[in-house]
Protein backbone atom coordinates (compact mmCIF):
# COMPACT_ATOMS: atom_id res chain seq x y z
CA MET A 1 -4.33 -28.46 -34.82
CA GLN A 2 -6.75 -26.92 -32.37
CA LEU A 3 -6.58 -28.11 -28.48
CA ASN A 4 -8.52 -26.82 -25.68
CA THR A 5 -6.11 -28.01 -22.28
CA HIS A 6 -8.91 -26.87 -20.08
CA HIS A 7 -6.40 -25.08 -17.59
CA SER A 8 -4.49 -28.92 -17.28
CA GLU A 9 -1.16 -29.55 -16.48
CA LYS A 10 -0.70 -32.93 -17.85
CA SER A 11 -2.10 -31.62 -21.16
CA MET A 12 0.42 -28.94 -21.28
CA ALA A 13 3.03 -31.18 -20.39
CA ASN A 14 2.30 -33.79 -23.31
CA LEU A 15 2.12 -31.22 -26.19
CA ASP A 16 5.36 -33.20 -27.43
CA SER A 17 3.52 -36.02 -28.63
CA LEU A 18 0.73 -34.21 -30.39
CA LYS A 19 3.97 -34.46 -33.13
CA ALA A 20 2.04 -31.14 -35.03
CA ASP A 21 3.55 -28.31 -36.42
CA VAL A 22 1.36 -25.22 -34.80
CA LEU A 23 -1.40 -25.77 -32.36
CA LEU A 24 -3.72 -23.06 -31.12
CA ILE A 25 -4.25 -23.75 -27.73
CA GLN A 26 -7.04 -22.32 -25.87
CA GLU A 27 -7.27 -22.35 -21.82
CA PRO A 28 -3.54 -23.48 -21.60
CA TYR A 29 -2.46 -24.26 -17.88
CA PHE A 30 1.21 -22.86 -17.40
CA THR A 31 3.36 -20.47 -14.89
CA LEU A 32 5.93 -18.88 -15.96
CA PRO A 33 7.75 -22.04 -14.19
CA LYS A 34 5.71 -24.26 -16.26
CA LEU A 35 6.55 -22.46 -19.43
CA LEU A 36 10.32 -22.81 -18.75
CA PRO A 37 10.50 -26.61 -20.25
CA LEU A 38 8.59 -25.77 -23.34
CA VAL A 39 11.42 -23.20 -23.65
CA ALA A 40 14.23 -25.59 -22.98
CA ARG A 41 13.15 -28.03 -25.56
CA ARG A 42 13.02 -25.21 -28.06
CA HIS A 43 9.38 -24.47 -28.99
CA ASP A 44 7.96 -21.27 -29.41
CA PHE A 45 4.90 -20.30 -26.90
CA ILE A 46 3.45 -17.09 -28.06
CA PHE A 47 0.85 -15.55 -25.71
CA LYS A 48 0.66 -12.27 -23.94
CA GLU A 49 3.10 -12.53 -21.20
CA GLY A 50 2.23 -10.88 -17.58
CA THR A 51 -1.59 -11.80 -18.05
CA TYR A 52 -3.99 -14.48 -17.46
CA ALA A 53 -3.57 -15.48 -20.94
CA ARG A 54 -6.31 -17.89 -22.23
CA VAL A 55 -4.69 -18.37 -25.57
CA GLY A 56 -1.33 -19.49 -26.80
CA ILE A 57 0.14 -20.50 -29.91
CA TYR A 58 2.55 -23.80 -29.78
CA SER A 59 4.83 -24.34 -32.59
CA SER A 60 7.76 -26.87 -33.49
CA PRO A 61 11.55 -25.62 -33.77
CA THR A 62 10.66 -26.55 -37.46
CA THR A 63 8.07 -23.96 -38.39
CA ARG A 64 8.71 -20.58 -39.20
CA THR A 65 6.72 -18.16 -36.74
CA VAL A 66 6.91 -14.86 -36.54
CA PRO A 67 4.43 -13.63 -33.63
CA LEU A 68 1.93 -10.78 -35.04
CA PHE A 69 2.79 -8.44 -31.69
CA GLU A 70 -0.49 -5.88 -32.23
CA PHE A 71 -2.69 -8.77 -31.88
CA ILE A 72 -1.83 -10.79 -28.88
CA GLU A 73 -3.83 -10.18 -26.21
CA GLU A 74 -5.34 -11.99 -23.03
CA ASP A 75 -7.80 -13.71 -25.49
CA LEU A 76 -6.29 -13.23 -28.95
CA ALA A 77 -2.60 -14.93 -30.05
CA ALA A 78 -2.02 -14.41 -33.75
CA ALA A 79 1.21 -15.42 -35.96
CA LEU A 80 2.61 -15.59 -39.23
CA ILE A 81 4.36 -18.34 -40.20
CA GLU A 82 5.84 -19.28 -43.78
CA TRP A 83 3.26 -22.30 -45.86
CA ASN A 84 3.70 -24.02 -48.92
CA ASP A 85 5.56 -21.27 -50.52
CA GLY A 86 3.80 -18.35 -48.96
CA TYR A 87 2.48 -16.89 -45.84
CA LEU A 88 -0.48 -17.58 -43.42
CA VAL A 89 -1.29 -16.28 -40.14
CA VAL A 90 -2.71 -18.15 -37.71
CA ALA A 91 -3.95 -16.94 -34.81
CA SER A 92 -5.45 -18.83 -31.25
CA ILE A 93 -8.86 -17.06 -29.97
CA TYR A 94 -11.31 -17.56 -26.66
CA LEU A 95 -14.34 -15.77 -27.07
CA ASP A 96 -15.55 -15.18 -23.24
CA GLY A 97 -19.23 -16.16 -22.54
CA ARG A 98 -19.38 -14.22 -20.18
CA LYS A 99 -19.14 -10.80 -22.52
CA THR A 100 -21.32 -9.86 -25.50
CA ILE A 101 -20.23 -11.17 -29.32
CA GLU A 102 -19.66 -7.60 -30.08
CA GLU A 103 -17.18 -7.62 -27.20
CA THR A 104 -15.38 -10.41 -27.74
CA THR A 105 -14.72 -10.16 -31.57
CA THR A 106 -13.64 -6.49 -31.66
CA SER A 107 -9.70 -7.72 -31.86
CA TRP A 108 -10.72 -10.72 -34.00
CA GLN A 109 -12.61 -8.18 -36.57
CA ASN A 110 -9.13 -6.33 -36.23
CA LEU A 111 -6.99 -9.33 -37.35
CA ILE A 112 -10.07 -10.17 -40.03
CA ASP A 113 -9.37 -6.54 -41.47
CA TYR A 114 -5.41 -6.66 -41.38
CA CYS A 115 -5.41 -10.15 -42.92
CA ASN A 116 -7.66 -8.88 -45.82
CA ALA A 117 -5.69 -5.50 -46.33
CA LYS A 118 -2.46 -7.80 -46.83
CA SER A 119 -4.10 -10.57 -49.13
CA LEU A 120 -2.78 -13.13 -45.79
CA PRO A 121 -5.33 -16.42 -45.53
CA LEU A 122 -6.28 -16.35 -41.76
CA LEU A 123 -6.60 -20.09 -39.91
CA ALA A 124 -8.19 -19.48 -36.18
CA GLY A 125 -8.61 -21.82 -33.52
CA ILE A 126 -11.33 -20.55 -31.73
CA ASP A 127 -13.31 -22.04 -28.17
CA CYS A 128 -16.64 -19.61 -28.98
CA ASN A 129 -18.90 -20.55 -25.87
CA SER A 130 -21.45 -20.58 -28.14
CA HIS A 131 -23.83 -23.14 -30.15
CA SER A 132 -24.90 -22.80 -33.77
CA GLY A 133 -25.91 -25.37 -36.37
CA LEU A 134 -22.89 -23.77 -38.56
CA TRP A 135 -20.99 -25.21 -36.37
CA ASN A 136 -22.96 -28.89 -35.70
CA CYS A 137 -24.20 -28.14 -32.40
CA THR A 138 -27.72 -29.43 -32.07
CA TYR A 139 -29.23 -26.60 -30.95
CA GLU A 140 -28.74 -22.64 -31.06
CA ASP A 141 -27.96 -20.40 -28.46
CA THR A 142 -28.57 -16.39 -28.82
CA ARG A 143 -24.70 -15.70 -28.87
CA GLY A 144 -24.30 -18.81 -31.54
CA GLU A 145 -26.98 -16.43 -33.41
CA GLN A 146 -24.96 -13.39 -33.37
CA LEU A 147 -21.31 -15.13 -34.38
CA THR A 148 -22.72 -16.80 -37.27
CA GLU A 149 -23.90 -13.56 -38.26
CA PHE A 150 -20.02 -12.00 -38.07
CA ILE A 151 -18.63 -15.45 -39.40
CA ILE A 152 -21.21 -14.41 -42.37
CA HIS A 153 -20.51 -10.97 -43.04
CA ASN A 154 -17.10 -11.79 -42.40
CA ASN A 155 -17.05 -14.20 -45.53
CA MET A 156 -15.00 -17.13 -42.98
CA LEU A 157 -15.56 -20.49 -43.45
CA VAL A 158 -16.34 -22.77 -40.34
CA HIS A 159 -14.24 -26.15 -40.76
CA ASN A 160 -15.59 -28.52 -38.23
CA THR A 161 -15.46 -32.46 -39.19
CA GLY A 162 -18.98 -33.33 -39.31
CA SER A 163 -20.73 -33.87 -36.38
CA LYS A 164 -18.29 -34.98 -34.71
CA HIS A 165 -17.96 -33.49 -31.01
CA THR A 166 -15.38 -31.10 -30.44
CA TRP A 167 -15.65 -30.44 -26.34
CA TYR A 168 -16.38 -33.11 -23.49
CA SER A 169 -17.83 -32.56 -20.28
CA ALA A 170 -19.17 -34.62 -17.61
CA LEU A 171 -22.66 -33.34 -18.57
CA LYS A 172 -22.89 -33.84 -22.22
CA PRO A 173 -20.93 -33.67 -25.26
CA LYS A 174 -20.72 -30.47 -27.56
CA ASN A 175 -19.80 -28.49 -30.36
CA GLN A 176 -17.95 -25.46 -29.03
CA ASN A 177 -14.77 -25.20 -30.79
CA ILE A 178 -15.00 -24.27 -34.38
CA VAL A 179 -11.89 -23.10 -36.58
CA ARG A 180 -12.70 -20.67 -39.48
CA ASN A 181 -10.57 -18.91 -42.25
CA ASN A 182 -11.28 -16.41 -44.51
CA ASP A 183 -10.54 -16.16 -48.41
CA ALA A 184 -7.86 -13.67 -48.34
CA GLY A 185 -4.58 -14.43 -49.79
């Protein structure tokens, strides 16, 4: 499951109520004192320590989760989990809207290459900060077009549910958060 908490303390405090094995989180609200209750509940929260991390992976104690440290940064967190008699790489990704698509996808491309080389399937929850018809937006922007090319180039699939909005603001709902996977594995 993917969740953008929009830096909400209340959202982070209620993660247990979602009853998910794995949550791919963007824009978490936490400081070290706020994170300690998560650890006390024996959940894993994988993120880049010592930074203002904009992503994290939250997993239940029953899910065997191994951080992929070479792919843990401020805007990318990746882990290997046991899944259906095999392994799956999960990633939480934030694509900074103030940077170019090329700048924001470099680490993601490295993770895709790693998964392809190891024949590991990849499932990513992404706050892409762009718009494209590929993920059911009603209009496209340049970032969306560039990201669509990146997705096609890497043989990724978009798994948004129909035209259901994935993000809401005071202005209007949007389909910014997208989930993709590769065909490896």
